[in-house]
Amino acid sequence: MSLKQSNTISTAADLIEPSRSATLSWAGYYELTKPRLSLLSVVTALVGYLAALPARDWMGLFHFLVGTALCAAGAAALNQWLEREQDAVMNRTRGRPIPARQVTPKSALLFGVALSVVGCAQLYWGANLLTGFLGAATILSYVLIYTPMKRATRWATEVGAIPGAIPPLIGWAAAENSISTLGWILFGILAIWQIPHFMAIAWLYREDYERGGFPMLSVIDTHGQRVARWALINTVVLIPVSLLPTLLGYCGWIYTAVALVFGLWFLKRAFAFTRSDNREASARSLFINSILYLPAVLFSLVIDRWILV
């Protein structure tokens, strides 16, 4: 073993071992929930709920939103517990609660399990069995399938898009105790959108992923051409999938216009990612556009659906 490898392992071990002087704080537990990512799950689940045009049930809506938030937070905490060694050696993650010694690994594990169990129970009792099942499926697929796969294969990103796209189904199931065609289309939009979105992230942080031992496509493809091409292919597929609500009669001109304009804009950024001499800048531009695309398309769908009623 080289001196460099030995120092890296020692540093990781020092960071992840619980310390008597560790500062345990509420802020650490809050950050364990990955609040921004959890909020995205709640918002996309709410889009599925509203797009299903449910009968007004404020208490049911409350239980569904809280249960979804708890499930997302629990999955995030368990993900960080499993990846604590990798987080400790990556620049962008070494400040997370476990490597930063704000929360001990054991506490993070118990916290994640508790949030997950309570979240699934709330979805079941506050909504229905299907909603609770989908909440559990999201957690289990994210924690037990996607997270371990990240250290084994570059296809983990595509597998991880599945639990990332389940929240709209949770919302749809909470609204009508079943999932219709539009619900599955929302699932498809979110699953496909994640690929170009994450390809941009993976390229921007490729050195960190290599340092953490994750065989991402951006780590394997050092020139970035395969990364950019894969982002472009999925963006091309995303446009016709996003227009299915219109073609099947679920939405009108408002959604159609937004989906088409933002889709073509997104496609332009993805194409620039494949052609740019400055792939770093084009990846950042693609990432920003992906962030703008998703809320524009999802909320225009909800607005269009409610106007058509």
C-alpha atoms as a PDB file:
ATOM      1  CA  MET A   1       0.000   0.000   0.000  1.00  0.00           C
ATOM      2  CA  SER A   2       1.333   3.423  -0.948  1.00  0.00           C
ATOM      3  CA  LEU A   3       1.835   6.218   1.572  1.00  0.00           C
ATOM      4  CA  LYS A   4      -0.832   8.260  -0.219  1.00  0.00           C
ATOM      5  CA  GLN A   5      -3.375   5.434   0.042  1.00  0.00           C
ATOM      6  CA  SER A   6      -2.480   4.865   3.687  1.00  0.00           C
ATOM      7  CA  ASN A   7      -2.987   8.550   4.516  1.00  0.00           C
ATOM      8  CA  THR A   8      -6.330   8.625   2.678  1.00  0.00           C
ATOM      9  CA  ILE A   9      -7.608   5.578   4.569  1.00  0.00           C
ATOM     10  CA  SER A  10      -6.372   6.967   7.885  1.00  0.00           C
ATOM     11  CA  THR A  11      -8.042  10.291   7.209  1.00  0.00           C
ATOM     12  CA  ALA A  12     -11.321   8.583   6.324  1.00  0.00           C
ATOM     13  CA  ALA A  13     -11.160   6.424   9.437  1.00  0.00           C
ATOM     14  CA  ASP A  14     -10.457   9.441  11.631  1.00  0.00           C
ATOM     15  CA  LEU A  15     -13.402  11.293  10.159  1.00  0.00           C
ATOM     16  CA  ILE A  16     -15.984   8.531  10.448  1.00  0.00           C
ATOM     17  CA  GLU A  17     -15.068   7.156  13.868  1.00  0.00           C
ATOM     18  CA  PRO A  18     -17.317   8.537  16.595  1.00  0.00           C
ATOM     19  CA  SER A  19     -15.453  10.861  18.906  1.00  0.00           C
ATOM     20  CA  ARG A  20     -16.083  11.728  22.527  1.00  0.00           C
ATOM     21  CA  SER A  21     -15.567  15.338  21.574  1.00  0.00           C
ATOM     22  CA  ALA A  22     -18.032  15.128  18.685  1.00  0.00           C
ATOM     23  CA  THR A  23     -20.425  18.025  18.543  1.00  0.00           C
ATOM     24  CA  LEU A  24     -23.913  16.534  18.326  1.00  0.00           C
ATOM     25  CA  SER A  25     -26.322  19.161  17.114  1.00  0.00           C
ATOM     26  CA  TRP A  26     -29.824  19.483  15.779  1.00  0.00           C
ATOM     27  CA  ALA A  27     -28.322  21.114  12.702  1.00  0.00           C
ATOM     28  CA  GLY A  28     -26.438  17.877  12.040  1.00  0.00           C
ATOM     29  CA  TYR A  29     -29.603  15.804  12.150  1.00  0.00           C
ATOM     30  CA  TYR A  30     -31.330  18.324   9.908  1.00  0.00           C
ATOM     31  CA  GLU A  31     -28.535  18.075   7.326  1.00  0.00           C
ATOM     32  CA  LEU A  32     -28.739  14.278   7.477  1.00  0.00           C
ATOM     33  CA  THR A  33     -32.157  14.588   5.852  1.00  0.00           C
ATOM     34  CA  LYS A  34     -30.664  16.294   2.739  1.00  0.00           C
ATOM     35  CA  PRO A  35     -33.389  18.947   3.017  1.00  0.00           C
ATOM     36  CA  ARG A  36     -33.180  20.240  -0.569  1.00  0.00           C
ATOM     37  CA  LEU A  37     -33.337  16.759  -2.100  1.00  0.00           C
ATOM     38  CA  SER A  38     -36.122  15.762   0.296  1.00  0.00           C
ATOM     39  CA  LEU A  39     -38.042  18.906  -0.624  1.00  0.00           C
ATOM     40  CA  LEU A  40     -37.790  17.934  -4.306  1.00  0.00           C
ATOM     41  CA  SER A  41     -39.341  14.554  -3.460  1.00  0.00           C
ATOM     42  CA  VAL A  42     -42.182  16.234  -1.584  1.00  0.00           C
ATOM     43  CA  VAL A  43     -42.831  18.731  -4.394  1.00  0.00           C
ATOM     44  CA  THR A  44     -42.873  16.081  -7.132  1.00  0.00           C
ATOM     45  CA  ALA A  45     -45.150  13.910  -4.991  1.00  0.00           C
ATOM     46  CA  LEU A  46     -47.473  16.900  -4.531  1.00  0.00           C
ATOM     47  CA  VAL A  47     -47.517  17.392  -8.322  1.00  0.00           C
ATOM     48  CA  GLY A  48     -48.677  13.796  -8.728  1.00  0.00           C
ATOM     49  CA  TYR A  49     -51.346  14.331  -6.078  1.00  0.00           C
ATOM     50  CA  LEU A  50     -52.689  17.537  -7.619  1.00  0.00           C
ATOM     51  CA  ALA A  51     -52.503  16.243 -11.190  1.00  0.00           C
ATOM     52  CA  ALA A  52     -54.817  13.404 -10.168  1.00  0.00           C
ATOM     53  CA  LEU A  53     -57.487  16.038  -9.370  1.00  0.00           C
ATOM     54  CA  PRO A  54     -58.345  14.666  -5.912  1.00  0.00           C
ATOM     55  CA  ALA A  55     -61.410  15.471  -3.870  1.00  0.00           C
ATOM     56  CA  ARG A  56     -60.592  18.113  -1.248  1.00  0.00           C
ATOM     57  CA  ASP A  57     -59.230  16.339   1.840  1.00  0.00           C
ATOM     58  CA  TRP A  58     -56.959  18.616   3.852  1.00  0.00           C
ATOM     59  CA  MET A  59     -56.199  16.080   6.570  1.00  0.00           C
ATOM     60  CA  GLY A  60     -55.331  13.429   4.003  1.00  0.00           C
ATOM     61  CA  LEU A  61     -53.104  15.930   2.188  1.00  0.00           C
ATOM     62  CA  PHE A  62     -51.341  16.751   5.466  1.00  0.00           C
ATOM     63  CA  HIS A  63     -50.620  13.096   6.278  1.00  0.00           C
ATOM     64  CA  PHE A  64     -49.457  12.400   2.733  1.00  0.00           C
ATOM     65  CA  LEU A  65     -47.040  15.348   2.649  1.00  0.00           C
ATOM     66  CA  VAL A  66     -45.581  14.661   6.091  1.00  0.00           C
ATOM     67  CA  GLY A  67     -45.242  10.947   5.367  1.00  0.00           C
ATOM     68  CA  THR A  68     -43.491  11.632   2.070  1.00  0.00           C
ATOM     69  CA  ALA A  69     -41.122  14.100   3.740  1.00  0.00           C
ATOM     70  CA  LEU A  70     -40.259  11.594   6.483  1.00  0.00           C
ATOM     71  CA  CYS A  71     -39.618   8.810   3.956  1.00  0.00           C
ATOM     72  CA  ALA A  72     -37.354  11.046   1.862  1.00  0.00           C
ATOM     73  CA  ALA A  73     -35.483  12.236   4.959  1.00  0.00           C
ATOM     74  CA  GLY A  74     -35.067   8.696   6.261  1.00  0.00           C
ATOM     75  CA  ALA A  75     -33.693   7.457   2.938  1.00  0.00           C
ATOM     76  CA  ALA A  76     -31.229  10.372   2.854  1.00  0.00           C
ATOM     77  CA  ALA A  77     -29.980   9.649   6.366  1.00  0.00           C
ATOM     78  CA  LEU A  78     -29.519   5.944   5.649  1.00  0.00           C
ATOM     79  CA  ASN A  79     -27.722   6.776   2.400  1.00  0.00           C
ATOM     80  CA  GLN A  80     -25.241   8.942   4.305  1.00  0.00           C
ATOM     81  CA  TRP A  81     -24.754   6.233   6.914  1.00  0.00           C
ATOM     82  CA  LEU A  82     -23.895   3.697   4.203  1.00  0.00           C
ATOM     83  CA  GLU A  83     -21.589   6.108   2.349  1.00  0.00           C
ATOM     84  CA  ARG A  84     -19.866   7.645   5.368  1.00  0.00           C
ATOM     85  CA  GLU A  85     -16.422   6.357   4.359  1.00  0.00           C
ATOM     86  CA  GLN A  86     -16.747   7.692   0.823  1.00  0.00           C
ATOM     87  CA  ASP A  87     -18.164  11.000   2.069  1.00  0.00           C
ATOM     88  CA  ALA A  88     -15.140  11.431   4.329  1.00  0.00           C
ATOM     89  CA  VAL A  89     -12.674  11.551   1.424  1.00  0.00           C
ATOM     90  CA  MET A  90     -14.715  13.573  -1.072  1.00  0.00           C
ATOM     91  CA  ASN A  91     -14.344  17.340  -0.994  1.00  0.00           C
ATOM     92  CA  ARG A  92     -18.010  18.151  -1.571  1.00  0.00           C
ATOM     93  CA  THR A  93     -19.281  15.712   1.086  1.00  0.00           C
ATOM     94  CA  ARG A  94     -16.706  15.723   3.865  1.00  0.00           C
ATOM     95  CA  GLY A  95     -18.681  18.475   5.587  1.00  0.00           C
ATOM     96  CA  ARG A  96     -21.724  16.215   5.952  1.00  0.00           C
ATOM     97  CA  PRO A  97     -22.825  15.453   9.532  1.00  0.00           C
ATOM     98  CA  ILE A  98     -21.135  12.054   9.975  1.00  0.00           C
ATOM     99  CA  PRO A  99     -17.688  12.950   8.554  1.00  0.00           C
ATOM    100  CA  ALA A 100     -17.883  16.312  10.337  1.00  0.00           C
ATOM    101  CA  ARG A 101     -18.616  14.477  13.629  1.00  0.00           C
ATOM    102  CA  GLN A 102     -21.856  16.288  14.215  1.00  0.00           C
ATOM    103  CA  VAL A 103     -23.678  12.955  14.375  1.00  0.00           C
ATOM    104  CA  THR A 104     -22.251   9.529  15.198  1.00  0.00           C
ATOM    105  CA  PRO A 105     -22.799   6.689  12.684  1.00  0.00           C
ATOM    106  CA  LYS A 106     -24.971   4.751  15.139  1.00  0.00           C
ATOM    107  CA  SER A 107     -27.196   7.769  15.779  1.00  0.00           C
ATOM    108  CA  ALA A 108     -27.510   8.405  12.035  1.00  0.00           C
ATOM    109  CA  LEU A 109     -28.578   4.793  11.457  1.00  0.00           C
ATOM    110  CA  LEU A 110     -31.219   4.887  14.189  1.00  0.00           C
ATOM    111  CA  PHE A 111     -32.425   8.284  13.022  1.00  0.00           C
ATOM    112  CA  GLY A 112     -32.785   7.089   9.421  1.00  0.00           C
ATOM    113  CA  VAL A 113     -34.617   3.903  10.380  1.00  0.00           C
ATOM    114  CA  ALA A 114     -36.987   5.789  12.684  1.00  0.00           C
ATOM    115  CA  LEU A 115     -37.863   8.386  10.051  1.00  0.00           C
ATOM    116  CA  SER A 116     -38.414   5.696   7.423  1.00  0.00           C
ATOM    117  CA  VAL A 117     -40.693   3.558   9.600  1.00  0.00           C
ATOM    118  CA  VAL A 118     -42.772   6.502  10.816  1.00  0.00           C
ATOM    119  CA  GLY A 119     -42.993   7.914   7.272  1.00  0.00           C
ATOM    120  CA  CYS A 120     -44.245   4.661   5.757  1.00  0.00           C
ATOM    121  CA  ALA A 121     -46.707   4.190   8.625  1.00  0.00           C
ATOM    122  CA  GLN A 122     -48.070   7.688   8.125  1.00  0.00           C
ATOM    123  CA  LEU A 123     -48.507   7.118   4.393  1.00  0.00           C
ATOM    124  CA  TYR A 124     -50.348   3.872   5.106  1.00  0.00           C
ATOM    125  CA  TRP A 125     -52.630   5.116   7.886  1.00  0.00           C
ATOM    126  CA  GLY A 126     -53.074   8.642   6.522  1.00  0.00           C
ATOM    127  CA  ALA A 127     -53.628   7.620   2.894  1.00  0.00           C
ATOM    128  CA  ASN A 128     -53.836   3.962   1.866  1.00  0.00           C
ATOM    129  CA  LEU A 129     -51.902   0.720   1.524  1.00  0.00           C
ATOM    130  CA  LEU A 130     -50.639   1.468  -2.000  1.00  0.00           C
ATOM    131  CA  THR A 131     -49.204   4.801  -0.893  1.00  0.00           C
ATOM    132  CA  GLY A 132     -47.432   3.183   2.063  1.00  0.00           C
ATOM    133  CA  PHE A 133     -46.073   0.445  -0.170  1.00  0.00           C
ATOM    134  CA  LEU A 134     -44.672   2.979  -2.652  1.00  0.00           C
ATOM    135  CA  GLY A 135     -43.043   4.912   0.188  1.00  0.00           C
ATOM    136  CA  ALA A 136     -41.351   1.737   1.406  1.00  0.00           C
ATOM    137  CA  ALA A 137     -40.353   0.796  -2.150  1.00  0.00           C
ATOM    138  CA  THR A 138     -38.690   4.179  -2.603  1.00  0.00           C
ATOM    139  CA  ILE A 139     -36.613   3.801   0.559  1.00  0.00           C
ATOM    140  CA  LEU A 140     -35.628   0.183  -0.022  1.00  0.00           C
ATOM    141  CA  SER A 141     -34.664   0.650  -3.673  1.00  0.00           C
ATOM    142  CA  TYR A 142     -32.687   3.811  -2.896  1.00  0.00           C
ATOM    143  CA  VAL A 143     -30.861   2.441   0.151  1.00  0.00           C
ATOM    144  CA  LEU A 144     -30.470  -1.269  -0.594  1.00  0.00           C
ATOM    145  CA  ILE A 145     -30.119  -1.264  -4.398  1.00  0.00           C
ATOM    146  CA  TYR A 146     -28.988   2.125  -5.716  1.00  0.00           C
ATOM    147  CA  THR A 147     -26.554   3.062  -2.930  1.00  0.00           C
ATOM    148  CA  PRO A 148     -24.516  -0.198  -3.031  1.00  0.00           C
ATOM    149  CA  MET A 149     -24.591  -0.203  -6.846  1.00  0.00           C
ATOM    150  CA  LYS A 150     -22.854   3.181  -6.933  1.00  0.00           C
ATOM    151  CA  ARG A 151     -19.641   1.471  -5.810  1.00  0.00           C
ATOM    152  CA  ALA A 152     -20.016  -1.396  -8.279  1.00  0.00           C
ATOM    153  CA  THR A 153     -21.215  -0.173 -11.682  1.00  0.00           C
ATOM    154  CA  ARG A 154     -21.650   2.920 -13.816  1.00  0.00           C
ATOM    155  CA  TRP A 155     -25.286   1.892 -14.405  1.00  0.00           C
ATOM    156  CA  ALA A 156     -26.187   2.872 -10.854  1.00  0.00           C
ATOM    157  CA  THR A 157     -27.315   6.279 -12.116  1.00  0.00           C
ATOM    158  CA  GLU A 158     -29.994   4.743 -14.327  1.00  0.00           C
ATOM    159  CA  VAL A 159     -31.124   2.417 -11.531  1.00  0.00           C
ATOM    160  CA  GLY A 160     -31.204   5.329  -9.094  1.00  0.00           C
ATOM    161  CA  ALA A 161     -33.550   7.203 -11.404  1.00  0.00           C
ATOM    162  CA  ILE A 162     -36.281   4.694 -10.473  1.00  0.00           C
ATOM    163  CA  PRO A 163     -36.610   5.556  -6.749  1.00  0.00           C
ATOM    164  CA  GLY A 164     -36.070   9.177  -7.707  1.00  0.00           C
ATOM    165  CA  ALA A 165     -39.153   9.036  -9.939  1.00  0.00           C
ATOM    166  CA  ILE A 166     -41.499   7.220  -7.550  1.00  0.00           C
ATOM    167  CA  PRO A 167     -42.704  10.285  -5.546  1.00  0.00           C
ATOM    168  CA  PRO A 168     -45.262  11.363  -8.219  1.00  0.00           C
ATOM    169  CA  LEU A 169     -46.684   7.840  -8.016  1.00  0.00           C
ATOM    170  CA  ILE A 170     -46.934   8.205  -4.233  1.00  0.00           C
ATOM    171  CA  GLY A 171     -48.923  11.394  -4.742  1.00  0.00           C
ATOM    172  CA  TRP A 172     -51.171   9.820  -7.355  1.00  0.00           C
ATOM    173  CA  ALA A 173     -51.828   6.792  -5.165  1.00  0.00           C
ATOM    174  CA  ALA A 174     -52.645   9.057  -2.210  1.00  0.00           C
ATOM    175  CA  ALA A 175     -55.192  10.911  -4.347  1.00  0.00           C
ATOM    176  CA  GLU A 176     -57.090   7.981  -5.879  1.00  0.00           C
ATOM    177  CA  ASN A 177     -55.688   4.741  -4.398  1.00  0.00           C
ATOM    178  CA  SER A 178     -54.488   3.658  -7.857  1.00  0.00           C
ATOM    179  CA  ILE A 179     -52.185   4.897 -10.598  1.00  0.00           C
ATOM    180  CA  SER A 180     -53.552   5.950 -13.972  1.00  0.00           C
ATOM    181  CA  THR A 181     -51.728   6.478 -17.257  1.00  0.00           C
ATOM    182  CA  LEU A 182     -50.857  10.121 -16.524  1.00  0.00           C
ATOM    183  CA  GLY A 183     -49.301   9.074 -13.242  1.00  0.00           C
ATOM    184  CA  TRP A 184     -46.974   6.700 -15.081  1.00  0.00           C
ATOM    185  CA  ILE A 185     -46.139   9.418 -17.610  1.00  0.00           C
ATOM    186  CA  LEU A 186     -45.066  11.676 -14.735  1.00  0.00           C
ATOM    187  CA  PHE A 187     -42.904   8.819 -13.490  1.00  0.00           C
ATOM    188  CA  GLY A 188     -41.327   8.548 -16.951  1.00  0.00           C
ATOM    189  CA  ILE A 189     -40.673  12.290 -17.233  1.00  0.00           C
ATOM    190  CA  LEU A 190     -38.940  12.400 -13.879  1.00  0.00           C
ATOM    191  CA  ALA A 191     -36.920   9.225 -14.491  1.00  0.00           C
ATOM    192  CA  ILE A 192     -35.615  10.391 -17.876  1.00  0.00           C
ATOM    193  CA  TRP A 193     -34.980  13.969 -16.676  1.00  0.00           C
ATOM    194  CA  GLN A 194     -32.650  12.690 -13.974  1.00  0.00           C
ATOM    195  CA  ILE A 195     -30.130  11.304 -16.474  1.00  0.00           C
ATOM    196  CA  PRO A 196     -29.013  14.542 -18.187  1.00  0.00           C
ATOM    197  CA  HIS A 197     -29.379  16.333 -14.853  1.00  0.00           C
ATOM    198  CA  PHE A 198     -27.029  13.916 -13.143  1.00  0.00           C
ATOM    199  CA  MET A 199     -24.639  13.593 -16.088  1.00  0.00           C
ATOM    200  CA  ALA A 200     -23.955  17.312 -15.679  1.00  0.00           C
ATOM    201  CA  ILE A 201     -23.355  16.870 -11.938  1.00  0.00           C
ATOM    202  CA  ALA A 202     -21.204  13.796 -12.491  1.00  0.00           C
ATOM    203  CA  TRP A 203     -18.962  15.668 -14.901  1.00  0.00           C
ATOM    204  CA  LEU A 204     -18.572  18.675 -12.618  1.00  0.00           C
ATOM    205  CA  TYR A 205     -17.610  16.450  -9.669  1.00  0.00           C
ATOM    206  CA  ARG A 206     -15.854  13.645 -11.536  1.00  0.00           C
ATOM    207  CA  GLU A 207     -12.614  13.992  -9.543  1.00  0.00           C
ATOM    208  CA  ASP A 208     -14.521  13.703  -6.290  1.00  0.00           C
ATOM    209  CA  TYR A 209     -16.367  10.607  -7.481  1.00  0.00           C
ATOM    210  CA  GLU A 210     -13.078   9.020  -8.488  1.00  0.00           C
ATOM    211  CA  ARG A 211     -11.605   9.872  -5.094  1.00  0.00           C
ATOM    212  CA  GLY A 212     -14.600   8.249  -3.412  1.00  0.00           C
ATOM    213  CA  GLY A 213     -14.285   5.075  -5.485  1.00  0.00           C
ATOM    214  CA  PHE A 214     -17.488   5.515  -7.494  1.00  0.00           C
ATOM    215  CA  PRO A 215     -17.138   4.158 -11.071  1.00  0.00           C
ATOM    216  CA  MET A 216     -19.423   6.768 -12.596  1.00  0.00           C
ATOM    217  CA  LEU A 217     -19.529   7.179 -16.368  1.00  0.00           C
ATOM    218  CA  SER A 218     -17.755  10.506 -15.883  1.00  0.00           C
ATOM    219  CA  VAL A 219     -14.900   8.682 -14.131  1.00  0.00           C
ATOM    220  CA  ILE A 220     -14.590   6.042 -16.860  1.00  0.00           C
ATOM    221  CA  ASP A 221     -14.996   8.508 -19.729  1.00  0.00           C
ATOM    222  CA  THR A 222     -12.179  10.963 -19.058  1.00  0.00           C
ATOM    223  CA  HIS A 223     -12.891  13.033 -22.186  1.00  0.00           C
ATOM    224  CA  GLY A 224     -16.578  13.425 -21.402  1.00  0.00           C
ATOM    225  CA  GLN A 225     -17.874  12.549 -24.853  1.00  0.00           C
ATOM    226  CA  ARG A 226     -19.838   9.496 -23.726  1.00  0.00           C
ATOM    227  CA  VAL A 227     -21.202  11.452 -20.756  1.00  0.00           C
ATOM    228  CA  ALA A 228     -22.397  14.272 -23.000  1.00  0.00           C
ATOM    229  CA  ARG A 229     -23.805  11.902 -25.638  1.00  0.00           C
ATOM    230  CA  TRP A 230     -25.782   9.970 -23.025  1.00  0.00           C
ATOM    231  CA  ALA A 231     -27.162  13.229 -21.638  1.00  0.00           C
ATOM    232  CA  LEU A 232     -28.209  14.275 -25.142  1.00  0.00           C
ATOM    233  CA  ILE A 233     -29.888  10.946 -25.960  1.00  0.00           C
ATOM    234  CA  ASN A 234     -32.015  11.088 -22.809  1.00  0.00           C
ATOM    235  CA  THR A 235     -32.940  14.716 -23.434  1.00  0.00           C
ATOM    236  CA  VAL A 236     -34.090  13.794 -26.955  1.00  0.00           C
ATOM    237  CA  VAL A 237     -36.247  11.001 -25.489  1.00  0.00           C
ATOM    238  CA  LEU A 238     -37.594  13.341 -22.813  1.00  0.00           C
ATOM    239  CA  ILE A 239     -39.290  15.691 -25.304  1.00  0.00           C
ATOM    240  CA  PRO A 240     -41.795  13.211 -26.846  1.00  0.00           C
ATOM    241  CA  VAL A 241     -42.441  11.626 -23.438  1.00  0.00           C
ATOM    242  CA  SER A 242     -43.199  15.060 -21.985  1.00  0.00           C
ATOM    243  CA  LEU A 243     -45.722  15.665 -24.789  1.00  0.00           C
ATOM    244  CA  LEU A 244     -47.675  12.454 -24.089  1.00  0.00           C
ATOM    245  CA  PRO A 245     -50.089  14.228 -21.692  1.00  0.00           C
ATOM    246  CA  THR A 246     -51.153  16.418 -24.605  1.00  0.00           C
ATOM    247  CA  LEU A 247     -51.297  13.618 -27.168  1.00  0.00           C
ATOM    248  CA  LEU A 248     -53.463  11.518 -24.841  1.00  0.00           C
ATOM    249  CA  GLY A 249     -55.798  14.409 -24.048  1.00  0.00           C
ATOM    250  CA  TYR A 250     -54.849  15.022 -20.421  1.00  0.00           C
ATOM    251  CA  CYS A 251     -53.606  18.588 -20.968  1.00  0.00           C
ATOM    252  CA  GLY A 252     -54.196  21.579 -23.208  1.00  0.00           C
ATOM    253  CA  TRP A 253     -52.170  24.345 -24.837  1.00  0.00           C
ATOM    254  CA  ILE A 254     -50.664  25.809 -21.626  1.00  0.00           C
ATOM    255  CA  TYR A 255     -48.783  22.654 -20.733  1.00  0.00           C
ATOM    256  CA  THR A 256     -47.965  21.921 -24.373  1.00  0.00           C
ATOM    257  CA  ALA A 257     -46.355  25.314 -24.921  1.00  0.00           C
ATOM    258  CA  VAL A 258     -44.294  25.164 -21.729  1.00  0.00           C
ATOM    259  CA  ALA A 259     -43.170  21.559 -22.265  1.00  0.00           C
ATOM    260  CA  LEU A 260     -42.155  22.267 -25.853  1.00  0.00           C
ATOM    261  CA  VAL A 261     -40.332  25.556 -25.227  1.00  0.00           C
ATOM    262  CA  PHE A 262     -38.472  24.354 -22.155  1.00  0.00           C
ATOM    263  CA  GLY A 263     -37.810  20.973 -23.758  1.00  0.00           C
ATOM    264  CA  LEU A 264     -36.171  22.538 -26.821  1.00  0.00           C
ATOM    265  CA  TRP A 265     -34.208  24.885 -24.575  1.00  0.00           C
ATOM    266  CA  PHE A 266     -33.048  21.903 -22.524  1.00  0.00           C
ATOM    267  CA  LEU A 267     -32.133  20.061 -25.731  1.00  0.00           C
ATOM    268  CA  LYS A 268     -30.054  23.005 -26.923  1.00  0.00           C
ATOM    269  CA  ARG A 269     -28.008  22.932 -23.700  1.00  0.00           C
ATOM    270  CA  ALA A 270     -27.561  19.159 -23.948  1.00  0.00           C
ATOM    271  CA  PHE A 271     -26.367  19.471 -27.542  1.00  0.00           C
ATOM    272  CA  ALA A 272     -23.920  22.218 -26.510  1.00  0.00           C
ATOM    273  CA  PHE A 273     -22.565  19.823 -23.873  1.00  0.00           C
ATOM    274  CA  THR A 274     -21.510  17.430 -26.656  1.00  0.00           C
ATOM    275  CA  ARG A 275     -19.908  20.122 -28.826  1.00  0.00           C
ATOM    276  CA  SER A 276     -18.310  22.479 -26.323  1.00  0.00           C
ATOM    277  CA  ASP A 277     -14.565  22.907 -25.979  1.00  0.00           C
ATOM    278  CA  ASN A 278     -15.233  24.046 -22.411  1.00  0.00           C
ATOM    279  CA  ARG A 279     -17.157  21.041 -21.145  1.00  0.00           C
ATOM    280  CA  GLU A 280     -17.035  22.322 -17.582  1.00  0.00           C
ATOM    281  CA  ALA A 281     -19.001  25.458 -18.482  1.00  0.00           C
ATOM    282  CA  SER A 282     -21.447  23.600 -20.715  1.00  0.00           C
ATOM    283  CA  ALA A 283     -22.069  21.008 -17.978  1.00  0.00           C
ATOM    284  CA  ARG A 284     -22.840  23.798 -15.518  1.00  0.00           C
ATOM    285  CA  SER A 285     -25.201  25.387 -18.037  1.00  0.00           C
ATOM    286  CA  LEU A 286     -26.950  22.052 -18.618  1.00  0.00           C
ATOM    287  CA  PHE A 287     -27.327  21.576 -14.870  1.00  0.00           C
ATOM    288  CA  ILE A 288     -28.890  25.026 -14.408  1.00  0.00           C
ATOM    289  CA  ASN A 289     -31.274  24.424 -17.308  1.00  0.00           C
ATOM    290  CA  SER A 290     -32.312  21.079 -15.853  1.00  0.00           C
ATOM    291  CA  ILE A 291     -33.195  22.825 -12.593  1.00  0.00           C
ATOM    292  CA  LEU A 292     -35.348  25.352 -14.463  1.00  0.00           C
ATOM    293  CA  TYR A 293     -36.975  22.765 -16.734  1.00  0.00           C
ATOM    294  CA  LEU A 294     -38.507  20.481 -14.111  1.00  0.00           C
ATOM    295  CA  PRO A 295     -40.632  22.938 -12.083  1.00  0.00           C
ATOM    296  CA  ALA A 296     -41.735  24.736 -15.258  1.00  0.00           C
ATOM    297  CA  VAL A 297     -43.042  21.527 -16.831  1.00  0.00           C
ATOM    298  CA  LEU A 298     -44.546  19.995 -13.695  1.00  0.00           C
ATOM    299  CA  PHE A 299     -46.335  23.081 -12.441  1.00  0.00           C
ATOM    300  CA  SER A 300     -47.641  23.977 -15.899  1.00  0.00           C
ATOM    301  CA  LEU A 301     -49.130  20.482 -16.039  1.00  0.00           C
ATOM    302  CA  VAL A 302     -50.921  20.999 -12.717  1.00  0.00           C
ATOM    303  CA  ILE A 303     -52.170  24.459 -13.740  1.00  0.00           C
ATOM    304  CA  ASP A 304     -53.395  23.135 -17.073  1.00  0.00           C
ATOM    305  CA  ARG A 305     -55.160  20.212 -15.433  1.00  0.00           C
ATOM    306  CA  TRP A 306     -56.990  22.418 -12.954  1.00  0.00           C
ATOM    307  CA  ILE A 307     -57.984  24.926 -15.632  1.00  0.00           C
ATOM    308  CA  LEU A 308     -59.444  22.160 -17.794  1.00  0.00           C
ATOM    309  CA  VAL A 309     -61.673  20.892 -14.979  1.00  0.00           C
END
